[in-house]
């Protein structure tokens, strides 16, 4: 198992036996063996011979394409999908049954419990922000009680989760230094380094979960909690919900330990937003891979567990 990030302009990739060979301006600049590769991230303008894509597809290596500066998702190359049609039929059938509400309540409870745990941890580290963080914890606890004790449907569950998110991020913002200018959750475009990191990792986690869903034989577009929307991978949105607090903790620790700082980010000149610089991206790839050593195994287990539940339901 291994991950390769290709993020260097004017690079051409060719096959050399069972290895990828890299060339810059016609001069060979290194190689990487194919055998350990499980996924490849292509960032920006990388030139690649079709034989390379054929070989990656043959050995079932997932290739994810990201834009150069903003690291926005552009597409994915995967090998042929799992042929387990019966499993997908079960998924479609249960998406409109009481199972959907039962499943939805569990993932929202897991997410809110994770958020509460993170704020409890932050409270010990930021005693000066005790009032705001404590209020966020109380709101999460109250909403968790409502989810457990009230007769609710999926729509009301979404409303409760929205209220929890507002209270959580109001408190979460207080645990970062003011110099990072993280005052609220803002997605498109991210205006500060914290929002930039959150959006980037949420996106990468989403597409890695899509990959695991397809490998196990489920349909990533048919969810149980998130409504069906054309072009959206609703099941992936469902399954990453409980792991969002893990991302938040990771981002908090990155800035707390000064593994990345505001100097690693730049403000967009042509388009508004805050994004990692080239040097910042190099640091980020290593940090992300270290973090995913454990989390990728959890994502895989999440999809396998769901497949078992659907089969046995």
Protein backbone atom coordinates (compact mmCIF):
# COMPACT_ATOMS: atom_id res chain seq x y z
CA UNK A 1 0.00 0.00 0.00
CA UNK A 2 1.29 3.49 -0.84
CA UNK A 3 0.37 6.94 -2.06
CA UNK A 4 2.17 9.03 -4.65
CA UNK A 5 1.66 12.81 -5.04
CA UNK A 6 2.69 14.30 -8.39
CA UNK A 7 2.82 18.07 -7.98
CA UNK A 8 5.57 19.47 -10.15
CA UNK A 9 5.07 21.46 -13.32
CA UNK A 10 6.58 20.39 -16.62
CA UNK A 11 6.87 16.78 -15.51
CA UNK A 12 6.28 13.94 -17.99
CA UNK A 13 5.60 10.42 -16.74
CA UNK A 14 6.43 7.31 -18.76
CA UNK A 15 6.53 3.58 -18.12
CA UNK A 16 9.88 1.91 -17.45
CA UNK A 17 9.18 -1.78 -16.93
CA UNK A 18 7.23 -1.97 -13.67
CA UNK A 19 8.11 1.56 -12.58
CA UNK A 20 7.01 5.11 -13.31
CA UNK A 21 9.81 7.22 -14.75
CA UNK A 22 9.77 11.02 -14.42
CA UNK A 23 11.24 13.42 -16.96
CA UNK A 24 11.75 17.20 -16.88
CA UNK A 25 12.75 18.98 -20.07
CA UNK A 26 13.59 15.61 -21.60
CA UNK A 27 15.96 14.63 -18.78
CA UNK A 28 15.16 11.69 -16.51
CA UNK A 29 14.48 12.90 -12.98
CA UNK A 30 13.79 9.73 -10.98
CA UNK A 31 11.42 6.78 -10.83
CA UNK A 32 8.93 5.05 -8.49
CA UNK A 33 8.06 1.31 -8.56
CA UNK A 34 4.43 0.54 -9.36
CA UNK A 35 3.98 -2.40 -7.02
CA UNK A 36 3.34 -0.60 -3.70
CA UNK A 37 1.08 2.09 -5.17
CA UNK A 38 -2.53 2.07 -4.02
CA UNK A 39 -3.45 5.62 -5.06
CA UNK A 40 -1.90 8.47 -7.06
CA UNK A 41 -2.79 12.15 -6.75
CA UNK A 42 -2.15 14.17 -9.93
CA UNK A 43 -1.93 17.88 -9.09
CA UNK A 44 -2.02 20.48 -11.84
CA UNK A 45 -0.46 20.18 -15.29
CA UNK A 46 1.33 16.81 -15.37
CA UNK A 47 1.93 15.10 -18.72
CA UNK A 48 1.38 11.35 -18.71
CA UNK A 49 1.57 8.74 -21.44
CA UNK A 50 -1.56 6.62 -21.95
CA UNK A 51 0.51 3.50 -21.18
CA UNK A 52 0.91 4.81 -17.63
CA UNK A 53 -2.85 5.17 -17.13
CA UNK A 54 -3.39 1.71 -18.64
CA UNK A 55 -0.90 0.18 -16.23
CA UNK A 56 -2.34 1.99 -13.20
CA UNK A 57 -5.84 0.82 -14.13
CA UNK A 58 -4.60 -2.73 -14.67
CA UNK A 59 -3.15 -2.95 -11.17
CA UNK A 60 -6.24 -1.24 -9.71
CA UNK A 61 -4.46 1.90 -8.58
CA UNK A 62 -6.86 4.79 -8.08
CA UNK A 63 -5.82 8.07 -9.72
CA UNK A 64 -7.33 11.28 -8.33
CA UNK A 65 -6.92 14.51 -10.31
CA UNK A 66 -6.71 17.84 -8.44
CA UNK A 67 -6.35 21.39 -9.78
CA UNK A 68 -2.92 22.96 -9.39
CA UNK A 69 -3.28 25.88 -6.97
CA UNK A 70 -6.53 25.29 -5.16
CA UNK A 71 -6.35 21.48 -5.02
CA UNK A 72 -9.96 21.21 -6.15
CA UNK A 73 -11.24 17.81 -7.28
CA UNK A 74 -11.33 17.38 -11.06
CA UNK A 75 -11.87 13.66 -11.62
CA UNK A 76 -10.94 10.11 -10.70
CA UNK A 77 -9.73 7.02 -12.54
CA UNK A 78 -10.70 3.66 -11.07
CA UNK A 79 -10.61 0.09 -12.28
CA UNK A 80 -13.88 -1.66 -13.20
CA UNK A 81 -16.45 -1.41 -10.41
CA UNK A 82 -17.55 -4.29 -8.21
CA UNK A 83 -20.12 -6.49 -9.92
CA UNK A 84 -22.24 -7.12 -6.81
CA UNK A 85 -25.56 -5.97 -8.30
CA UNK A 86 -27.69 -7.62 -5.61
CA UNK A 87 -26.00 -5.58 -2.89
CA UNK A 88 -26.85 -2.35 -4.70
CA UNK A 89 -30.47 -3.48 -5.08
CA UNK A 90 -30.62 -3.94 -1.29
CA UNK A 91 -29.14 -0.47 -0.86
CA UNK A 92 -31.77 1.12 -3.13
CA UNK A 93 -34.57 -0.75 -1.36
CA UNK A 94 -33.50 0.21 2.17
CA UNK A 95 -32.87 3.86 1.28
CA UNK A 96 -36.63 4.45 1.45
CA UNK A 97 -37.35 2.24 4.46
CA UNK A 98 -37.21 2.83 8.25
CA UNK A 99 -33.63 1.60 8.07
CA UNK A 100 -32.65 5.00 6.63
CA UNK A 101 -33.74 6.87 9.76
CA UNK A 102 -32.10 4.35 12.07
CA UNK A 103 -28.84 4.61 10.10
CA UNK A 104 -29.04 8.43 9.95
CA UNK A 105 -29.52 8.84 13.70
CA UNK A 106 -26.46 6.69 14.40
CA UNK A 107 -24.10 8.62 12.13
CA UNK A 108 -25.31 12.00 13.41
CA UNK A 109 -24.95 10.85 17.02
CA UNK A 110 -21.42 9.65 16.30
CA UNK A 111 -20.54 12.99 14.70
CA UNK A 112 -21.95 15.07 17.55
CA UNK A 113 -20.29 12.87 20.17
CA UNK A 114 -16.99 13.38 18.34
CA UNK A 115 -17.51 17.14 18.24
CA UNK A 116 -18.36 17.24 21.94
CA UNK A 117 -15.26 15.22 22.79
CA UNK A 118 -13.09 17.61 20.76
CA UNK A 119 -14.53 20.66 22.52
CA UNK A 120 -14.01 19.00 25.91
CA UNK A 121 -10.38 18.48 24.95
CA UNK A 122 -10.09 22.08 23.76
CA UNK A 123 -11.59 23.36 27.00
CA UNK A 124 -8.57 22.06 28.91
CA UNK A 125 -6.19 23.77 26.49
CA UNK A 126 -8.03 27.10 26.16
CA UNK A 127 -9.32 28.04 29.64
CA UNK A 128 -9.56 31.70 28.58
CA UNK A 129 -12.36 30.72 26.16
CA UNK A 130 -14.25 28.66 28.74
CA UNK A 131 -17.60 30.45 28.37
CA UNK A 132 -17.90 30.09 24.58
CA UNK A 133 -16.59 26.52 24.44
CA UNK A 134 -18.76 25.41 27.38
CA UNK A 135 -21.83 26.85 25.66
CA UNK A 136 -21.05 24.83 22.54
CA UNK A 137 -20.71 21.66 24.63
CA UNK A 138 -24.05 22.29 26.37
CA UNK A 139 -25.81 22.82 23.03
CA UNK A 140 -24.38 19.59 21.61
CA UNK A 141 -25.43 17.66 24.73
CA UNK A 142 -28.96 19.06 24.51
CA UNK A 143 -29.33 18.17 20.82
CA UNK A 144 -27.98 14.66 21.45
CA UNK A 145 -30.67 14.16 24.10
CA UNK A 146 -33.34 15.28 21.64
CA UNK A 147 -32.10 12.88 18.98
CA UNK A 148 -32.15 9.96 21.44
CA UNK A 149 -35.44 10.71 23.19
CA UNK A 150 -37.73 12.36 20.64
CA UNK A 151 -39.72 10.81 17.83
CA UNK A 152 -38.12 12.49 14.84
CA UNK A 153 -37.89 11.99 11.10
CA UNK A 154 -34.92 12.51 8.81
CA UNK A 155 -35.89 16.12 8.00
CA UNK A 156 -36.10 17.14 11.67
CA UNK A 157 -32.81 15.29 12.27
CA UNK A 158 -31.18 17.44 9.60
CA UNK A 159 -32.53 20.55 11.35
CA UNK A 160 -31.10 19.45 14.68
CA UNK A 161 -27.75 18.69 13.09
CA UNK A 162 -27.69 22.13 11.48
CA UNK A 163 -28.24 23.77 14.86
CA UNK A 164 -25.48 21.64 16.36
CA UNK A 165 -23.08 22.62 13.57
CA UNK A 166 -23.68 26.33 14.16
CA UNK A 167 -23.01 26.01 17.90
CA UNK A 168 -20.01 23.75 17.37
CA UNK A 169 -18.19 25.97 14.89
CA UNK A 170 -18.87 29.05 17.00
CA UNK A 171 -16.94 27.33 19.79
CA UNK A 172 -14.40 25.64 17.49
CA UNK A 173 -13.29 29.01 16.11
CA UNK A 174 -12.25 30.11 19.59
CA UNK A 175 -9.52 27.50 19.96
CA UNK A 176 -7.36 28.91 17.15
CA UNK A 177 -5.06 31.95 17.39
CA UNK A 178 -6.69 35.20 16.25
CA UNK A 179 -3.82 35.69 13.80
CA UNK A 180 -5.32 32.93 11.60
CA UNK A 181 -8.53 34.99 11.15
CA UNK A 182 -10.75 31.92 11.55
CA UNK A 183 -14.04 33.50 12.62
CA UNK A 184 -16.60 31.18 11.01
CA UNK A 185 -16.86 28.15 8.76
CA UNK A 186 -16.64 29.41 5.18
CA UNK A 187 -16.39 26.96 2.29
CA UNK A 188 -16.35 28.64 -1.11
CA UNK A 189 -13.97 30.26 -1.20
CA UNK A 190 -12.10 29.67 2.07
CA UNK A 191 -10.96 33.03 3.44
CA UNK A 192 -8.34 31.89 5.95
CA UNK A 193 -5.81 29.05 6.49
CA UNK A 194 -8.06 27.01 8.82
CA UNK A 195 -11.02 27.04 6.43
CA UNK A 196 -8.67 26.24 3.55
CA UNK A 197 -7.36 23.17 5.39
CA UNK A 198 -10.82 22.00 6.49
CA UNK A 199 -12.24 22.25 2.97
CA UNK A 200 -9.24 20.52 1.41
CA UNK A 201 -9.22 17.55 3.79
CA UNK A 202 -13.01 17.15 3.77
CA UNK A 203 -12.80 16.97 -0.04
CA UNK A 204 -9.94 14.46 -0.08
CA UNK A 205 -11.69 12.32 2.55
CA UNK A 206 -14.90 12.41 0.50
CA UNK A 207 -13.24 11.04 -2.63
CA UNK A 208 -11.28 8.43 -0.73
CA UNK A 209 -14.59 7.27 0.76
CA UNK A 210 -16.15 7.16 -2.72
CA UNK A 211 -13.32 4.85 -3.72
CA UNK A 212 -13.96 2.51 -0.76
CA UNK A 213 -17.70 2.48 -1.47
CA UNK A 214 -17.14 1.46 -5.09
CA UNK A 215 -14.60 -1.19 -4.14
CA UNK A 216 -17.06 -2.87 -1.75
CA UNK A 217 -19.80 -2.83 -4.42
CA UNK A 218 -22.18 -0.10 -3.19
CA UNK A 219 -23.51 2.89 -5.12
CA UNK A 220 -21.94 6.14 -3.82
CA UNK A 221 -24.85 8.25 -5.11
CA UNK A 222 -27.61 6.58 -3.04
CA UNK A 223 -27.44 7.65 0.60
CA UNK A 224 -29.64 7.16 3.63
CA UNK A 225 -29.23 10.50 5.41
CA UNK A 226 -28.26 12.91 2.65
CA UNK A 227 -31.00 13.35 0.06
CA UNK A 228 -30.47 12.15 -3.49
CA UNK A 229 -29.16 15.09 -5.53
CA UNK A 230 -28.09 14.63 -9.13
CA UNK A 231 -24.31 14.41 -9.34
CA UNK A 232 -23.71 14.12 -5.59
CA UNK A 233 -22.21 11.07 -3.90
CA UNK A 234 -24.76 11.06 -1.07
CA UNK A 235 -23.61 7.80 0.52
CA UNK A 236 -20.06 9.14 0.74
CA UNK A 237 -21.48 12.27 2.39
CA UNK A 238 -23.23 9.99 4.90
CA UNK A 239 -20.21 7.89 5.75
CA UNK A 240 -17.74 10.74 6.26
CA UNK A 241 -20.00 12.57 8.75
CA UNK A 242 -18.69 10.71 11.85
CA UNK A 243 -15.10 11.42 10.74
CA UNK A 244 -15.41 15.19 10.39
CA UNK A 245 -14.40 15.75 14.05
CA UNK A 246 -11.26 13.70 13.32
CA UNK A 247 -10.42 16.13 10.52
CA UNK A 248 -11.10 19.10 12.79
CA UNK A 249 -8.79 17.71 15.47
CA UNK A 250 -6.08 17.04 12.90
CA UNK A 251 -6.28 20.62 11.59
CA UNK A 252 -6.24 22.00 15.14
CA UNK A 253 -3.13 19.98 16.00
CA UNK A 254 -1.36 21.01 12.78
CA UNK A 255 -1.67 24.70 13.66
CA UNK A 256 -1.21 24.17 17.40
CA UNK A 257 2.12 22.42 16.80
CA UNK A 258 3.00 24.97 14.09
CA UNK A 259 3.50 22.25 11.51
CA UNK A 260 1.86 24.73 9.14
CA UNK A 261 1.44 28.47 9.64
CA UNK A 262 -0.15 31.41 7.85
CA UNK A 263 3.13 31.81 5.93
CA UNK A 264 2.37 28.55 4.11
CA UNK A 265 -0.78 30.07 2.58
CA UNK A 266 -1.45 32.74 0.01
CA UNK A 267 -4.40 34.93 -0.89
CA UNK A 268 -5.72 34.44 -4.42
CA UNK A 269 -5.02 37.40 -6.71
CA UNK A 270 -7.01 36.39 -9.78
CA UNK A 271 -9.73 34.65 -7.74
CA UNK A 272 -10.61 35.27 -4.08
CA UNK A 273 -9.66 32.72 -1.46
CA UNK A 274 -6.85 31.39 0.71
CA UNK A 275 -4.78 28.44 -0.51
CA UNK A 276 -1.61 26.53 0.28
CA UNK A 277 1.58 27.70 -1.40
CA UNK A 278 3.74 25.19 -3.26
CA UNK A 279 5.99 24.71 -0.21
CA UNK A 280 2.96 24.41 2.03
CA UNK A 281 1.52 21.70 -0.20
CA UNK A 282 4.75 19.71 0.11
CA UNK A 283 4.45 19.83 3.91
CA UNK A 284 0.74 19.03 3.80
CA UNK A 285 1.10 15.84 1.74
CA UNK A 286 3.38 14.29 4.35
CA UNK A 287 1.16 15.36 7.25
CA UNK A 288 -1.95 14.02 5.52
CA UNK A 289 -0.34 10.66 4.76
CA UNK A 290 0.81 10.26 8.36
CA UNK A 291 -2.71 11.03 9.62
CA UNK A 292 -4.38 8.63 7.16
CA UNK A 293 -2.27 5.65 8.25
CA UNK A 294 -5.02 4.97 10.80
CA UNK A 295 -8.02 6.74 9.31
CA UNK A 296 -7.91 4.99 5.92
CA UNK A 297 -8.30 1.66 7.68
CA UNK A 298 -11.35 3.05 9.50
CA UNK A 299 -12.91 4.26 6.23
CA UNK A 300 -12.45 0.82 4.70
CA UNK A 301 -13.99 -0.86 7.75
CA UNK A 302 -16.91 1.59 7.60
CA UNK A 303 -17.91 0.51 4.10
CA UNK A 304 -17.36 -3.18 4.84
CA UNK A 305 -19.53 -2.91 7.94
CA UNK A 306 -22.33 -1.20 6.00
CA UNK A 307 -22.24 -3.92 3.33
CA UNK A 308 -22.60 -6.60 6.03
CA UNK A 309 -25.50 -4.74 7.64
CA UNK A 310 -27.33 -4.46 4.31
CA UNK A 311 -26.83 -8.15 3.58
CA UNK A 312 -28.14 -9.18 7.01
CA UNK A 313 -30.99 -6.68 7.28
